[in-house]
């Protein structure tokens, strides 16, 4: 190890409102009527994952993971799943709208991971942490404070699942 190399991994920095604003712009740029949605960031979860997505910070946006900006609104009840490339803070695919007209199923697994399926066969599995660490690029981990948002999202998903 040379003196220029870090001796230990640095703790994630607080992403603050600037990170939230950047993620809001990604969502707003892809979604019509974007102002109607509350947002949280979620990480794609593989089937059968054994993690508590709700309580400990998950690293999101690593090479093996995929991130979503999840927009949700209560009336009409709807979930918008927008893939995001965290290294560039840009959209990473076509957003998918899930509402009562195309919802095939919605469940929450014992490990806290949600699964939402559409009538066209699309299935999304994701977890939403209260303070996820977003891998914004090499050596740039940022913590996103979304504790209150996660609580509201959990209440939304409880209702969404009940209506499925």
C-alpha atoms as a PDB file:
ATOM      1  CA  UNK A   1       0.000   0.000   0.000  1.00  0.00           C
ATOM      2  CA  UNK A   2       1.372   3.400  -0.943  1.00  0.00           C
ATOM      3  CA  UNK A   3       0.819   6.541   1.159  1.00  0.00           C
ATOM      4  CA  UNK A   4      -1.614   7.817  -1.496  1.00  0.00           C
ATOM      5  CA  UNK A   5      -3.925   4.833  -1.102  1.00  0.00           C
ATOM      6  CA  UNK A   6      -6.641   4.989   1.532  1.00  0.00           C
ATOM      7  CA  UNK A   7      -5.924   2.888   4.606  1.00  0.00           C
ATOM      8  CA  UNK A   8      -9.552   2.093   5.283  1.00  0.00           C
ATOM      9  CA  UNK A   9     -12.866   2.420   3.566  1.00  0.00           C
ATOM     10  CA  UNK A  10     -14.412   5.798   4.203  1.00  0.00           C
ATOM     11  CA  UNK A  11     -17.873   5.998   5.683  1.00  0.00           C
ATOM     12  CA  UNK A  12     -20.622   7.058   3.294  1.00  0.00           C
ATOM     13  CA  UNK A  13     -21.267  10.784   3.160  1.00  0.00           C
ATOM     14  CA  UNK A  14     -24.721  12.235   3.700  1.00  0.00           C
ATOM     15  CA  UNK A  15     -26.260  12.760   0.262  1.00  0.00           C
ATOM     16  CA  UNK A  16     -28.557  15.456   1.632  1.00  0.00           C
ATOM     17  CA  UNK A  17     -31.186  17.384  -0.267  1.00  0.00           C
ATOM     18  CA  UNK A  18     -28.940  17.696  -3.332  1.00  0.00           C
ATOM     19  CA  UNK A  19     -29.061  13.937  -3.908  1.00  0.00           C
ATOM     20  CA  UNK A  20     -32.829  13.901  -3.408  1.00  0.00           C
ATOM     21  CA  UNK A  21     -33.213  16.747  -5.897  1.00  0.00           C
ATOM     22  CA  UNK A  22     -31.067  14.929  -8.483  1.00  0.00           C
ATOM     23  CA  UNK A  23     -33.139  11.746  -8.143  1.00  0.00           C
ATOM     24  CA  UNK A  24     -36.357  13.815  -8.375  1.00  0.00           C
ATOM     25  CA  UNK A  25     -35.112  15.306 -11.666  1.00  0.00           C
ATOM     26  CA  UNK A  26     -34.467  11.804 -13.068  1.00  0.00           C
ATOM     27  CA  UNK A  27     -38.009  10.764 -12.164  1.00  0.00           C
ATOM     28  CA  UNK A  28     -39.640  14.018 -13.299  1.00  0.00           C
ATOM     29  CA  UNK A  29     -37.919  13.816 -16.677  1.00  0.00           C
ATOM     30  CA  UNK A  30     -39.536  10.436 -17.429  1.00  0.00           C
ATOM     31  CA  UNK A  31     -42.991  10.575 -15.870  1.00  0.00           C
ATOM     32  CA  UNK A  32     -46.044  12.617 -16.913  1.00  0.00           C
ATOM     33  CA  UNK A  33     -47.778  14.331 -13.970  1.00  0.00           C
ATOM     34  CA  UNK A  34     -44.597  13.786 -11.962  1.00  0.00           C
ATOM     35  CA  UNK A  35     -45.584  16.272  -9.269  1.00  0.00           C
ATOM     36  CA  UNK A  36     -48.307  13.937  -8.012  1.00  0.00           C
ATOM     37  CA  UNK A  37     -45.874  11.290  -6.758  1.00  0.00           C
ATOM     38  CA  UNK A  38     -43.991  10.764  -3.518  1.00  0.00           C
ATOM     39  CA  UNK A  39     -40.585   9.175  -4.121  1.00  0.00           C
ATOM     40  CA  UNK A  40     -38.335   6.587  -2.489  1.00  0.00           C
ATOM     41  CA  UNK A  41     -35.267   4.803  -3.794  1.00  0.00           C
ATOM     42  CA  UNK A  42     -35.288   1.022  -3.863  1.00  0.00           C
ATOM     43  CA  UNK A  43     -32.887  -1.731  -4.789  1.00  0.00           C
ATOM     44  CA  UNK A  44     -33.715  -4.685  -6.981  1.00  0.00           C
ATOM     45  CA  UNK A  45     -33.866  -7.873  -4.930  1.00  0.00           C
ATOM     46  CA  UNK A  46     -33.264 -11.339  -6.283  1.00  0.00           C
ATOM     47  CA  UNK A  47     -35.753 -14.118  -5.574  1.00  0.00           C
ATOM     48  CA  UNK A  48     -35.060 -15.752  -2.241  1.00  0.00           C
ATOM     49  CA  UNK A  49     -32.785 -13.020  -0.914  1.00  0.00           C
ATOM     50  CA  UNK A  50     -32.270 -13.119   2.807  1.00  0.00           C
ATOM     51  CA  UNK A  51     -31.948  -9.522   3.898  1.00  0.00           C
ATOM     52  CA  UNK A  52     -33.879  -7.089   5.997  1.00  0.00           C
ATOM     53  CA  UNK A  53     -34.489  -4.353   3.458  1.00  0.00           C
ATOM     54  CA  UNK A  54     -36.204  -2.118   5.946  1.00  0.00           C
ATOM     55  CA  UNK A  55     -33.772  -1.733   8.791  1.00  0.00           C
ATOM     56  CA  UNK A  56     -30.157  -1.816   7.732  1.00  0.00           C
ATOM     57  CA  UNK A  57     -28.663   0.353   5.014  1.00  0.00           C
ATOM     58  CA  UNK A  58     -28.284  -1.568   1.797  1.00  0.00           C
ATOM     59  CA  UNK A  59     -25.699  -0.712  -0.812  1.00  0.00           C
ATOM     60  CA  UNK A  60     -27.633   0.251  -3.914  1.00  0.00           C
ATOM     61  CA  UNK A  61     -26.361   0.672  -7.434  1.00  0.00           C
ATOM     62  CA  UNK A  62     -23.382  -1.625  -7.310  1.00  0.00           C
ATOM     63  CA  UNK A  63     -22.373  -3.564 -10.399  1.00  0.00           C
ATOM     64  CA  UNK A  64     -24.504  -6.493  -9.261  1.00  0.00           C
ATOM     65  CA  UNK A  65     -27.518  -4.422  -8.241  1.00  0.00           C
ATOM     66  CA  UNK A  66     -30.094  -2.277  -9.927  1.00  0.00           C
ATOM     67  CA  UNK A  67     -31.781   0.759  -8.467  1.00  0.00           C
ATOM     68  CA  UNK A  68     -35.249   2.196  -8.934  1.00  0.00           C
ATOM     69  CA  UNK A  69     -36.819   5.524  -8.148  1.00  0.00           C
ATOM     70  CA  UNK A  70     -40.235   4.418  -6.953  1.00  0.00           C
ATOM     71  CA  UNK A  71     -42.993   6.970  -7.347  1.00  0.00           C
ATOM     72  CA  UNK A  72     -46.249   6.312  -5.561  1.00  0.00           C
ATOM     73  CA  UNK A  73     -49.505   8.120  -5.060  1.00  0.00           C
ATOM     74  CA  UNK A  74     -52.554   7.321  -3.039  1.00  0.00           C
ATOM     75  CA  UNK A  75     -55.282   8.689  -5.359  1.00  0.00           C
ATOM     76  CA  UNK A  76     -55.559   7.148  -7.790  1.00  0.00           C
ATOM     77  CA  UNK A  77     -53.526   4.380  -6.163  1.00  0.00           C
ATOM     78  CA  UNK A  78     -50.527   3.842  -8.405  1.00  0.00           C
ATOM     79  CA  UNK A  79     -46.886   2.781  -8.305  1.00  0.00           C
ATOM     80  CA  UNK A  80     -44.382   3.985 -10.888  1.00  0.00           C
ATOM     81  CA  UNK A  81     -41.131   1.995 -11.141  1.00  0.00           C
ATOM     82  CA  UNK A  82     -38.373   3.982 -12.842  1.00  0.00           C
ATOM     83  CA  UNK A  83     -34.953   2.309 -13.286  1.00  0.00           C
ATOM     84  CA  UNK A  84     -32.064   4.651 -12.506  1.00  0.00           C
ATOM     85  CA  UNK A  85     -28.340   4.556 -13.295  1.00  0.00           C
ATOM     86  CA  UNK A  86     -26.805   5.908 -10.106  1.00  0.00           C
ATOM     87  CA  UNK A  87     -23.317   6.374 -11.522  1.00  0.00           C
ATOM     88  CA  UNK A  88     -24.657   8.976 -13.970  1.00  0.00           C
ATOM     89  CA  UNK A  89     -27.850   9.862 -12.056  1.00  0.00           C
ATOM     90  CA  UNK A  90     -29.928   9.301 -15.185  1.00  0.00           C
ATOM     91  CA  UNK A  91     -32.812   7.106 -16.239  1.00  0.00           C
ATOM     92  CA  UNK A  92     -31.811   3.526 -17.025  1.00  0.00           C
ATOM     93  CA  UNK A  93     -34.823   2.133 -18.794  1.00  0.00           C
ATOM     94  CA  UNK A  94     -38.484   2.566 -19.457  1.00  0.00           C
ATOM     95  CA  UNK A  95     -40.556   3.304 -16.347  1.00  0.00           C
ATOM     96  CA  UNK A  96     -43.422   0.933 -15.620  1.00  0.00           C
ATOM     97  CA  UNK A  97     -46.759   2.089 -14.257  1.00  0.00           C
ATOM     98  CA  UNK A  98     -48.605  -0.317 -11.973  1.00  0.00           C
ATOM     99  CA  UNK A  99     -52.177   0.487 -10.969  1.00  0.00           C
ATOM    100  CA  UNK A 100     -55.460  -1.303 -10.388  1.00  0.00           C
ATOM    101  CA  UNK A 101     -55.966  -1.850 -14.133  1.00  0.00           C
ATOM    102  CA  UNK A 102     -52.764  -3.857 -14.687  1.00  0.00           C
ATOM    103  CA  UNK A 103     -51.837  -5.163 -11.224  1.00  0.00           C
ATOM    104  CA  UNK A 104     -51.605  -8.964 -11.239  1.00  0.00           C
ATOM    105  CA  UNK A 105     -50.165  -9.412  -7.745  1.00  0.00           C
ATOM    106  CA  UNK A 106     -48.414  -7.579  -4.940  1.00  0.00           C
ATOM    107  CA  UNK A 107     -46.847  -9.205  -1.877  1.00  0.00           C
ATOM    108  CA  UNK A 108     -44.309  -8.524   0.820  1.00  0.00           C
ATOM    109  CA  UNK A 109     -42.011 -11.429   1.623  1.00  0.00           C
ATOM    110  CA  UNK A 110     -40.852 -12.311   5.139  1.00  0.00           C
ATOM    111  CA  UNK A 111     -37.482 -10.645   4.483  1.00  0.00           C
ATOM    112  CA  UNK A 112     -39.171  -7.279   3.822  1.00  0.00           C
ATOM    113  CA  UNK A 113     -38.781  -7.436   0.042  1.00  0.00           C
ATOM    114  CA  UNK A 114     -41.779  -6.431  -2.078  1.00  0.00           C
ATOM    115  CA  UNK A 115     -42.860  -8.181  -5.261  1.00  0.00           C
ATOM    116  CA  UNK A 116     -45.194  -6.517  -7.734  1.00  0.00           C
ATOM    117  CA  UNK A 117     -46.377  -8.172 -10.945  1.00  0.00           C
ATOM    118  CA  UNK A 118     -48.313  -6.762 -13.865  1.00  0.00           C
ATOM    119  CA  UNK A 119     -50.904  -8.411 -16.084  1.00  0.00           C
ATOM    120  CA  UNK A 120     -48.355  -8.323 -18.928  1.00  0.00           C
ATOM    121  CA  UNK A 121     -45.979 -10.578 -16.995  1.00  0.00           C
ATOM    122  CA  UNK A 122     -43.491  -8.006 -15.691  1.00  0.00           C
ATOM    123  CA  UNK A 123     -42.341  -8.820 -12.150  1.00  0.00           C
ATOM    124  CA  UNK A 124     -40.368  -6.466  -9.924  1.00  0.00           C
ATOM    125  CA  UNK A 125     -38.741  -7.408  -6.613  1.00  0.00           C
ATOM    126  CA  UNK A 126     -37.315  -4.581  -4.554  1.00  0.00           C
ATOM    127  CA  UNK A 127     -36.447  -3.466  -1.068  1.00  0.00           C
ATOM    128  CA  UNK A 128     -36.651   0.029   0.359  1.00  0.00           C
ATOM    129  CA  UNK A 129     -34.226   0.876   3.162  1.00  0.00           C
ATOM    130  CA  UNK A 130     -34.573   3.791   5.571  1.00  0.00           C
ATOM    131  CA  UNK A 131     -31.011   4.974   4.912  1.00  0.00           C
ATOM    132  CA  UNK A 132     -29.602   3.208   1.850  1.00  0.00           C
ATOM    133  CA  UNK A 133     -26.046   3.764   0.719  1.00  0.00           C
ATOM    134  CA  UNK A 134     -26.035   4.674  -2.961  1.00  0.00           C
ATOM    135  CA  UNK A 135     -22.952   3.756  -4.969  1.00  0.00           C
ATOM    136  CA  UNK A 136     -22.712   6.912  -7.059  1.00  0.00           C
ATOM    137  CA  UNK A 137     -19.349   5.937  -8.510  1.00  0.00           C
ATOM    138  CA  UNK A 138     -15.967   4.619  -7.473  1.00  0.00           C
ATOM    139  CA  UNK A 139     -15.234   5.861  -3.981  1.00  0.00           C
ATOM    140  CA  UNK A 140     -18.406   7.951  -3.804  1.00  0.00           C
ATOM    141  CA  UNK A 141     -20.899   6.216  -1.516  1.00  0.00           C
ATOM    142  CA  UNK A 142     -23.698   8.530  -0.388  1.00  0.00           C
ATOM    143  CA  UNK A 143     -26.279   7.790   2.300  1.00  0.00           C
ATOM    144  CA  UNK A 144     -29.839   8.787   1.414  1.00  0.00           C
ATOM    145  CA  UNK A 145     -31.984   9.699   4.404  1.00  0.00           C
ATOM    146  CA  UNK A 146     -35.507   8.515   3.599  1.00  0.00           C
ATOM    147  CA  UNK A 147     -36.755   7.251   6.969  1.00  0.00           C
ATOM    148  CA  UNK A 148     -40.048   9.191   6.910  1.00  0.00           C
ATOM    149  CA  UNK A 149     -40.542   8.431   3.228  1.00  0.00           C
ATOM    150  CA  UNK A 150     -39.970   4.725   3.872  1.00  0.00           C
ATOM    151  CA  UNK A 151     -42.609   4.747   6.633  1.00  0.00           C
ATOM    152  CA  UNK A 152     -45.158   6.362   4.288  1.00  0.00           C
ATOM    153  CA  UNK A 153     -44.190   4.004   1.455  1.00  0.00           C
ATOM    154  CA  UNK A 154     -44.678   0.991   3.743  1.00  0.00           C
ATOM    155  CA  UNK A 155     -48.201   2.217   4.583  1.00  0.00           C
ATOM    156  CA  UNK A 156     -48.870   2.728   0.864  1.00  0.00           C
ATOM    157  CA  UNK A 157     -47.636  -0.769   0.007  1.00  0.00           C
ATOM    158  CA  UNK A 158     -49.770  -2.288   2.788  1.00  0.00           C
ATOM    159  CA  UNK A 159     -52.836  -0.714   1.136  1.00  0.00           C
ATOM    160  CA  UNK A 160     -51.637  -1.584  -2.380  1.00  0.00           C
ATOM    161  CA  UNK A 161     -51.153  -5.231  -1.363  1.00  0.00           C
ATOM    162  CA  UNK A 162     -54.587  -5.326   0.301  1.00  0.00           C
ATOM    163  CA  UNK A 163     -56.189  -4.157  -2.963  1.00  0.00           C
ATOM    164  CA  UNK A 164     -54.303  -6.689  -5.121  1.00  0.00           C
END
